[in-house]
Amino acid sequence: MSSIRMMAESLKNIPWQDKPENITGAPVWRYSENPIIGRNPVKNVARIFNSAVIPYEGRFIGVFRGEQVNGIPYIYLGHSDDGIHWIFDEEKIPFVNEKGEAFMPRYAYDPRLVKVEDTYYIIWCQDFYGAAIGMAETKDFKKFVRLENPFIPYNRNAVLFPRKINGNFVLLSRPSDSGHTPFGDIFLSESPDMVYWGKHRHVMGKGNEWWESVKIGGGAAPIETSEGWLLFYHGVSGTCNGFVYSIGGAVLDLENPSIVKYRCENFLLTPEEWYEERGFVPNVCFPCATLHDPDTGRIALYYGCADSYVGLAFCELTEIMDYIKENSVLTESDREIGIR
C-alpha cells in the first residue's frame, strides 16, 4: 500500500480505462475512444476544446470553451452521467453582475472550474481592455455571478487552488503581453476575499528542456496529496512550423506552493495522435481539469486537442508521483520562495 495519499472526496464513478500493456515513457495513457468531444457538438458551435469538468450531485458538470461559428469563443455548460458522453446547453452561460443584471464578457475562453468550500468558481480569459482573467461564482449552476477581475491586463491561464492556504484563496496565473505571448512563467497570488489580490510570488519559469523552452502555464487545478500539490501544466516549444503544446508535471509545497519540490524534466503527454496533431491549431495537448479518486488513486485528465477536440487520459497517483520524482530536475528559481 502506497504511503502517498490524495486529499479529496471519494469518486467511485470516476471515468476509467485500465492501462494498456507495454506503455513507454511517462505512466499516462490516452482513452482509446478519444476524442470524447468532436466537431460541431452543439448548434452554432464549431469546436469545443480546453474545457473543465467537476463532480456534481452524483454526475458530472463542466464548463466548455465553445468556438462559435462566427469565431468568437464563449463558455457553455455541459452535463454527463459518466464523464465521457456530454450533453451541452445550446445557449452560452448567462453571466450576471451582483445586482442580477445581465453581464456577459465580450469573449471568454479556456475556462477552469474549481470548488472551494461550498462555492464553485469559474475562471477564464476575457477582454478587460486587453487579455485578462475573468471570474464568476455559482452554488447551483443556475445563477452565475461575475466577480471583480483579479488583475489588470495582460494575464491568462488562471487556476484556483481547491482550498484556502493559510486562510487565503490562492491562484496561479501567467502574466503575458498583448499577443500570443512568446514568453511566460507561472506566478502565484493570494486573496482574503476573491476581490483583492496580492502577495505575488514566482512559482516556475520556462524549462531548459525543449518541450517547455518557450513558455509554461497552469493547467488543471492542483491535486492535494500528502507530499504536496500535484500540478499538471502545459509547456510550449517553438518549431519552424509554430508552437507545440505538451503536458508536464510538478509537485508544489503544501503550505508554500511557490516552492517547487519536484519538476519532471520529461513531458507527460505530447502531441502524437491525429486529434492532437491535426486541427484548427495543430500540435496541442492542453490540460484543463482532472477528476480524481483517493480510494483508488485514479486520475482522469481532461485536455484540449489541437484547438478542435477534448481528449481524456489516465494515470495513477503513486505511479505519476514516482515518475515525476525520479525524473525531477529543479532550477534555482524553482527552489526559491518566489519573491525578490
Protein backbone atom coordinates (compact mmCIF):
# COMPACT_ATOMS: atom_id res chain seq x y z
CA MET A 1 0.00 0.00 0.00
CA SER A 2 1.50 3.34 -1.02
CA SER A 3 2.22 5.96 1.61
CA ILE A 4 1.19 8.75 -0.79
CA ARG A 5 -2.35 9.90 -0.03
CA MET A 6 -4.72 12.07 -2.03
CA MET A 7 -6.80 14.62 -0.08
CA ALA A 8 -10.16 14.64 -1.85
CA GLU A 9 -13.69 13.30 -1.64
CA SER A 10 -14.29 9.76 -2.90
CA LEU A 11 -15.33 9.50 -6.54
CA LYS A 12 -16.47 5.94 -7.14
CA ASN A 13 -17.85 6.67 -10.62
CA ILE A 14 -14.66 8.27 -11.97
CA PRO A 15 -14.27 7.56 -15.71
CA TRP A 16 -11.54 4.99 -16.16
CA GLN A 17 -9.80 2.68 -18.58
CA ASP A 18 -7.08 0.27 -17.45
CA LYS A 19 -3.51 0.88 -18.52
CA PRO A 20 -2.54 -0.90 -21.74
CA GLU A 21 0.45 -3.19 -21.83
CA ASN A 22 3.90 -2.09 -22.97
CA ILE A 23 3.41 1.62 -22.24
CA THR A 24 6.66 3.58 -22.63
CA GLY A 25 7.72 6.89 -21.14
CA ALA A 26 5.51 8.51 -18.54
CA PRO A 27 2.77 6.35 -16.96
CA VAL A 28 -0.04 8.33 -18.64
CA TRP A 29 -2.30 6.71 -21.24
CA ARG A 30 -4.97 8.02 -23.58
CA TYR A 31 -8.58 6.88 -23.63
CA SER A 32 -8.89 4.50 -26.57
CA GLU A 33 -12.07 6.22 -27.81
CA ASN A 34 -10.60 9.74 -27.95
CA PRO A 35 -11.61 12.36 -28.78
CA ILE A 36 -14.58 12.34 -26.41
CA ILE A 37 -15.97 15.56 -27.94
CA GLY A 38 -15.80 16.05 -31.68
CA ARG A 39 -16.51 18.95 -34.03
CA ASN A 40 -19.85 20.77 -34.32
CA PRO A 41 -21.04 19.46 -30.93
CA VAL A 42 -23.98 21.84 -30.50
CA LYS A 43 -25.91 24.38 -32.55
CA ASN A 44 -23.81 27.40 -33.60
CA VAL A 45 -20.62 25.93 -32.06
CA ALA A 46 -17.93 24.64 -34.42
CA ARG A 47 -15.48 23.25 -31.86
CA ILE A 48 -15.27 22.54 -28.13
CA PHE A 49 -11.86 22.16 -26.50
CA ASN A 50 -9.80 23.43 -23.50
CA SER A 51 -12.57 22.74 -21.00
CA ALA A 52 -13.01 21.79 -17.33
CA VAL A 53 -15.23 19.29 -15.52
CA ILE A 54 -16.16 18.52 -11.91
CA PRO A 55 -18.32 16.01 -9.98
CA TYR A 56 -21.77 17.34 -9.14
CA GLU A 57 -24.72 15.62 -7.46
CA GLY A 58 -23.55 12.13 -8.38
CA ARG A 59 -22.98 13.05 -12.02
CA PHE A 60 -20.59 15.42 -13.79
CA ILE A 61 -20.86 19.01 -14.93
CA GLY A 62 -18.44 21.09 -16.96
CA VAL A 63 -17.62 24.48 -18.43
CA PHE A 64 -16.55 24.25 -22.06
CA ARG A 65 -14.77 26.57 -24.45
CA GLY A 66 -17.16 26.72 -27.37
CA GLU A 67 -15.81 28.33 -30.52
CA GLN A 68 -18.88 29.75 -32.23
CA VAL A 69 -19.35 29.56 -35.98
CA ASN A 70 -18.52 33.30 -36.12
CA GLY A 71 -15.17 32.55 -34.49
CA ILE A 72 -15.86 34.21 -31.12
CA PRO A 73 -15.31 31.92 -28.08
CA TYR A 74 -17.72 31.72 -25.16
CA ILE A 75 -18.29 29.34 -22.28
CA TYR A 76 -21.01 26.70 -22.44
CA LEU A 77 -22.34 24.37 -19.75
CA GLY A 78 -22.27 20.61 -20.23
CA HIS A 79 -23.74 17.65 -18.33
CA SER A 80 -22.72 13.99 -18.24
CA ASP A 81 -23.61 10.77 -16.43
CA ASP A 82 -20.22 9.15 -16.97
CA GLY A 83 -17.75 12.00 -17.63
CA ILE A 84 -17.30 10.80 -21.22
CA HIS A 85 -20.55 11.39 -23.08
CA TRP A 86 -21.73 15.00 -22.82
CA ILE A 87 -24.90 16.98 -23.45
CA PHE A 88 -24.45 20.74 -23.87
CA ASP A 89 -26.74 23.68 -23.29
CA GLU A 90 -27.35 25.44 -26.60
CA GLU A 91 -27.08 28.88 -25.05
CA LYS A 92 -23.95 30.43 -23.55
CA ILE A 93 -23.66 30.56 -19.75
CA PRO A 94 -25.77 33.60 -18.72
CA PHE A 95 -23.42 35.59 -16.51
CA VAL A 96 -24.88 38.38 -14.35
CA ASN A 97 -23.46 41.06 -12.09
CA GLU A 98 -24.02 41.25 -8.33
CA LYS A 99 -27.37 43.01 -8.94
CA GLY A 100 -28.57 40.13 -11.08
CA GLU A 101 -28.32 42.13 -14.31
CA ALA A 102 -27.00 40.51 -17.49
CA PHE A 103 -23.23 40.99 -17.70
CA MET A 104 -21.68 38.97 -20.50
CA PRO A 105 -17.99 39.13 -21.40
CA ARG A 106 -17.11 40.17 -24.96
CA TYR A 107 -15.45 36.79 -25.34
CA ALA A 108 -14.39 34.05 -22.94
CA TYR A 109 -12.10 31.07 -23.37
CA ASP A 110 -10.06 28.35 -21.64
CA PRO A 111 -12.24 28.05 -18.52
CA ARG A 112 -11.32 26.26 -15.33
CA LEU A 113 -13.85 25.08 -12.75
CA VAL A 114 -12.88 24.67 -9.09
CA LYS A 115 -14.88 24.08 -5.93
CA VAL A 116 -13.66 25.85 -2.78
CA GLU A 117 -15.72 25.09 0.30
CA ASP A 118 -19.39 25.41 -0.77
CA THR A 119 -18.87 27.54 -3.89
CA TYR A 120 -17.92 26.72 -7.47
CA TYR A 121 -15.65 29.21 -9.22
CA ILE A 122 -15.27 29.58 -12.98
CA ILE A 123 -12.07 31.27 -14.15
CA TRP A 124 -11.38 32.14 -17.79
CA CYS A 125 -9.55 34.52 -20.12
CA GLN A 126 -11.51 37.51 -21.45
CA ASP A 127 -11.23 41.07 -22.69
CA PHE A 128 -10.58 43.67 -19.98
CA TYR A 129 -9.16 46.28 -22.37
CA GLY A 130 -6.68 43.56 -23.22
CA ALA A 131 -6.39 39.87 -22.42
CA ALA A 132 -7.12 39.37 -18.72
CA ILE A 133 -8.65 36.98 -16.22
CA GLY A 134 -12.40 36.80 -15.65
CA MET A 135 -14.12 35.12 -12.71
CA ALA A 136 -17.59 34.08 -11.64
CA GLU A 137 -19.15 32.05 -8.84
CA THR A 138 -22.13 29.74 -8.59
CA LYS A 139 -23.61 27.44 -5.98
CA ASP A 140 -26.23 25.74 -8.14
CA PHE A 141 -25.08 26.06 -11.79
CA LYS A 142 -28.18 28.13 -12.47
CA LYS A 143 -27.08 31.58 -11.37
CA PHE A 144 -23.56 32.68 -12.39
CA VAL A 145 -22.39 35.90 -10.75
CA ARG A 146 -19.30 37.59 -12.11
CA LEU A 147 -16.63 38.74 -9.69
CA GLU A 148 -14.09 41.53 -9.97
CA ASN A 149 -11.24 40.91 -12.39
CA PRO A 150 -8.27 39.92 -10.21
CA PHE A 151 -5.58 41.62 -12.32
CA ILE A 152 -5.14 44.25 -14.99
CA PRO A 153 -4.04 43.11 -18.48
CA TYR A 154 -2.14 41.21 -19.55
CA ASN A 155 -2.67 37.87 -17.84
CA ARG A 156 -4.22 34.47 -18.55
CA ASN A 157 -4.10 30.77 -17.65
CA ALA A 158 -5.53 31.31 -14.17
CA VAL A 159 -6.00 28.26 -11.95
CA LEU A 160 -7.51 28.36 -8.45
CA PHE A 161 -6.37 26.00 -5.69
CA PRO A 162 -9.23 23.83 -4.34
CA ARG A 163 -8.81 25.01 -0.76
CA LYS A 164 -7.61 28.07 1.09
CA ILE A 165 -3.98 28.08 2.23
CA ASN A 166 -3.19 29.92 5.45
CA GLY A 167 -6.68 31.43 5.31
CA ASN A 168 -6.39 32.85 1.78
CA PHE A 169 -7.60 31.87 -1.68
CA VAL A 170 -4.62 31.03 -3.88
CA LEU A 171 -4.43 31.48 -7.65
CA LEU A 172 -1.88 30.55 -10.29
CA SER A 173 -1.61 32.77 -13.37
CA ARG A 174 0.68 33.51 -16.29
CA PRO A 175 1.41 37.22 -16.94
CA SER A 176 1.72 37.86 -20.65
CA ASP A 177 1.72 40.56 -23.30
CA SER A 178 -0.98 41.68 -25.71
CA GLY A 179 -0.33 38.99 -28.31
CA HIS A 180 0.16 35.25 -28.47
CA THR A 181 2.83 35.50 -25.81
CA PRO A 182 6.26 34.19 -26.82
CA PHE A 183 7.24 34.00 -23.13
CA GLY A 184 5.68 33.23 -19.77
CA ASP A 185 6.25 31.96 -16.23
CA ILE A 186 3.76 30.74 -13.63
CA PHE A 187 3.10 33.09 -10.70
CA LEU A 188 1.02 32.72 -7.53
CA SER A 189 -1.23 35.31 -5.87
CA GLU A 190 -3.34 35.31 -2.68
CA SER A 191 -6.64 36.90 -1.70
CA PRO A 192 -8.67 37.01 1.52
CA ASP A 193 -11.95 37.57 -0.34
CA MET A 194 -11.58 36.83 -4.11
CA VAL A 195 -11.55 40.61 -4.71
CA TYR A 196 -8.19 41.97 -3.57
CA TRP A 197 -5.15 40.03 -4.75
CA GLY A 198 -1.55 40.38 -3.62
CA LYS A 199 1.43 38.58 -2.05
CA HIS A 200 2.51 37.69 -5.58
CA ARG A 201 5.19 35.01 -5.86
CA HIS A 202 7.07 33.42 -8.75
CA VAL A 203 6.50 29.67 -8.94
CA MET A 204 8.10 28.26 -12.08
CA GLY A 205 9.90 29.59 -15.12
CA LYS A 206 10.12 28.04 -18.57
CA GLY A 207 12.29 24.95 -18.58
CA ASN A 208 15.66 24.14 -20.04
CA GLU A 209 14.14 21.20 -21.90
CA TRP A 210 12.97 21.69 -25.49
CA TRP A 211 9.30 20.84 -24.84
CA GLU A 212 8.87 23.78 -22.41
CA SER A 213 11.59 26.13 -23.62
CA VAL A 214 9.32 28.98 -24.83
CA LYS A 215 6.75 29.36 -22.03
CA ILE A 216 4.68 27.47 -19.49
CA GLY A 217 1.26 27.96 -17.94
CA GLY A 218 -1.14 26.46 -15.44
CA GLY A 219 -3.38 23.56 -16.37
CA ALA A 220 -5.67 21.57 -14.13
CA ALA A 221 -6.44 22.67 -10.57
CA PRO A 222 -3.71 21.28 -8.30
CA ILE A 223 -4.47 17.97 -6.57
CA GLU A 224 -3.68 17.93 -2.85
CA THR A 225 -1.57 14.94 -1.77
CA SER A 226 0.37 14.07 1.37
CA GLU A 227 3.60 15.00 -0.46
CA GLY A 228 2.49 18.29 -2.00
CA TRP A 229 0.23 19.76 -4.67
CA LEU A 230 0.33 17.68 -7.86
CA LEU A 231 0.19 20.09 -10.80
CA PHE A 232 -0.41 19.20 -14.44
CA TYR A 233 0.68 22.21 -16.50
CA HIS A 234 1.41 22.99 -20.14
CA GLY A 235 4.79 23.64 -21.67
CA VAL A 236 5.39 25.19 -25.08
CA SER A 237 8.22 24.71 -27.55
CA GLY A 238 8.95 26.52 -30.77
CA THR A 239 9.45 24.89 -34.16
CA CYS A 240 9.84 26.09 -37.74
CA ASN A 241 6.12 25.40 -38.11
CA GLY A 242 4.82 27.07 -34.93
CA PHE A 243 4.31 26.23 -31.27
CA VAL A 244 3.91 22.74 -29.80
CA TYR A 245 1.98 22.35 -26.52
CA SER A 246 2.77 19.42 -24.22
CA ILE A 247 1.67 18.41 -20.71
CA GLY A 248 4.15 18.43 -17.83
CA GLY A 249 4.01 17.56 -14.15
CA ALA A 250 5.33 19.11 -10.94
CA VAL A 251 4.76 18.91 -7.19
CA LEU A 252 4.45 22.13 -5.16
CA ASP A 253 4.96 22.57 -1.42
CA LEU A 254 1.70 22.17 0.51
CA GLU A 255 1.87 25.32 2.64
CA ASN A 256 4.21 27.40 0.45
CA PRO A 257 3.20 26.41 -3.10
CA SER A 258 5.50 28.95 -4.71
CA ILE A 259 8.23 26.43 -3.82
CA VAL A 260 8.58 23.58 -6.31
CA LYS A 261 9.52 20.27 -4.66
CA TYR A 262 9.72 18.17 -7.82
CA ARG A 263 9.52 19.03 -11.51
CA CYS A 264 9.64 16.39 -14.21
CA GLU A 265 12.16 17.15 -16.93
CA ASN A 266 10.22 14.94 -19.37
CA PHE A 267 6.83 15.73 -20.80
CA LEU A 268 3.97 13.52 -19.61
CA LEU A 269 1.97 13.81 -22.83
CA THR A 270 2.89 15.39 -26.15
CA PRO A 271 1.02 15.53 -29.50
CA GLU A 272 1.23 12.12 -31.14
CA GLU A 273 -2.31 11.12 -32.14
CA TRP A 274 -4.18 12.53 -35.14
CA TYR A 275 -6.61 14.54 -33.00
CA GLU A 276 -3.66 16.21 -31.22
CA GLU A 277 -1.54 16.83 -34.31
CA ARG A 278 -4.25 17.89 -36.77
CA GLY A 279 -6.84 20.57 -36.15
CA PHE A 280 -7.55 24.28 -36.10
CA VAL A 281 -4.27 24.80 -34.20
CA PRO A 282 -2.10 21.73 -34.75
CA ASN A 283 0.15 20.04 -32.18
CA VAL A 284 -1.63 20.94 -28.94
CA CYS A 285 -2.17 18.97 -25.72
CA PHE A 286 -3.59 21.48 -23.22
CA PRO A 287 -4.62 20.26 -19.73
CA CYS A 288 -7.58 21.94 -18.03
CA ALA A 289 -9.06 19.58 -15.43
CA THR A 290 -8.81 16.32 -13.54
CA LEU A 291 -11.24 14.01 -11.83
CA HIS A 292 -9.57 12.00 -9.08
CA ASP A 293 -10.47 9.35 -6.52
CA PRO A 294 -8.46 8.99 -3.28
CA ASP A 295 -9.70 5.44 -2.63
CA THR A 296 -8.15 4.02 -5.80
CA GLY A 297 -5.59 6.72 -6.64
CA ARG A 298 -7.09 7.02 -10.10
CA ILE A 299 -6.77 10.30 -12.00
CA ALA A 300 -8.67 11.19 -15.19
CA LEU A 301 -7.09 14.12 -17.04
CA TYR A 302 -9.11 16.23 -19.49
CA TYR A 303 -7.15 18.09 -22.13
CA GLY A 304 -7.75 20.15 -25.25
CA CYS A 305 -6.51 18.69 -28.52
CA ALA A 306 -5.39 20.85 -31.47
CA ASP A 307 -7.93 23.56 -30.51
CA SER A 308 -10.57 21.25 -32.00
CA TYR A 309 -11.39 18.40 -29.63
CA VAL A 310 -11.45 17.25 -25.99
CA GLY A 311 -9.31 14.26 -25.05
CA LEU A 312 -9.17 12.13 -21.91
CA ALA A 313 -6.10 10.47 -20.40
CA PHE A 314 -5.49 8.45 -17.27
CA CYS A 315 -2.82 7.88 -14.66
CA GLU A 316 -2.49 6.52 -11.14
CA LEU A 317 -1.35 8.70 -8.23
CA THR A 318 1.58 6.63 -6.98
CA GLU A 319 2.95 5.92 -10.45
CA ILE A 320 2.77 9.51 -11.66
CA MET A 321 4.23 10.91 -8.42
CA ASP A 322 7.08 8.39 -8.52
CA TYR A 323 7.78 9.21 -12.17
CA ILE A 324 7.87 12.96 -11.51
CA LYS A 325 10.19 12.48 -8.52
CA GLU A 326 12.50 10.05 -10.31
CA ASN A 327 12.86 12.42 -13.27
CA SER A 328 12.89 15.68 -11.33
CA VAL A 329 15.30 18.47 -12.25
CA LEU A 330 14.92 21.76 -10.36
CA THR A 331 16.25 25.21 -11.19
CA GLU A 332 17.32 27.84 -8.69
CA SER A 333 14.07 29.78 -9.14
CA ASP A 334 12.03 26.59 -8.55
CA ARG A 335 13.50 26.23 -5.06
CA GLU A 336 13.00 29.89 -4.07
CA ILE A 337 10.03 31.28 -2.16
CA GLY A 338 9.46 33.37 -5.27
CA ILE A 339 10.00 36.91 -4.05
CA ARG A 340 12.92 39.22 -4.83
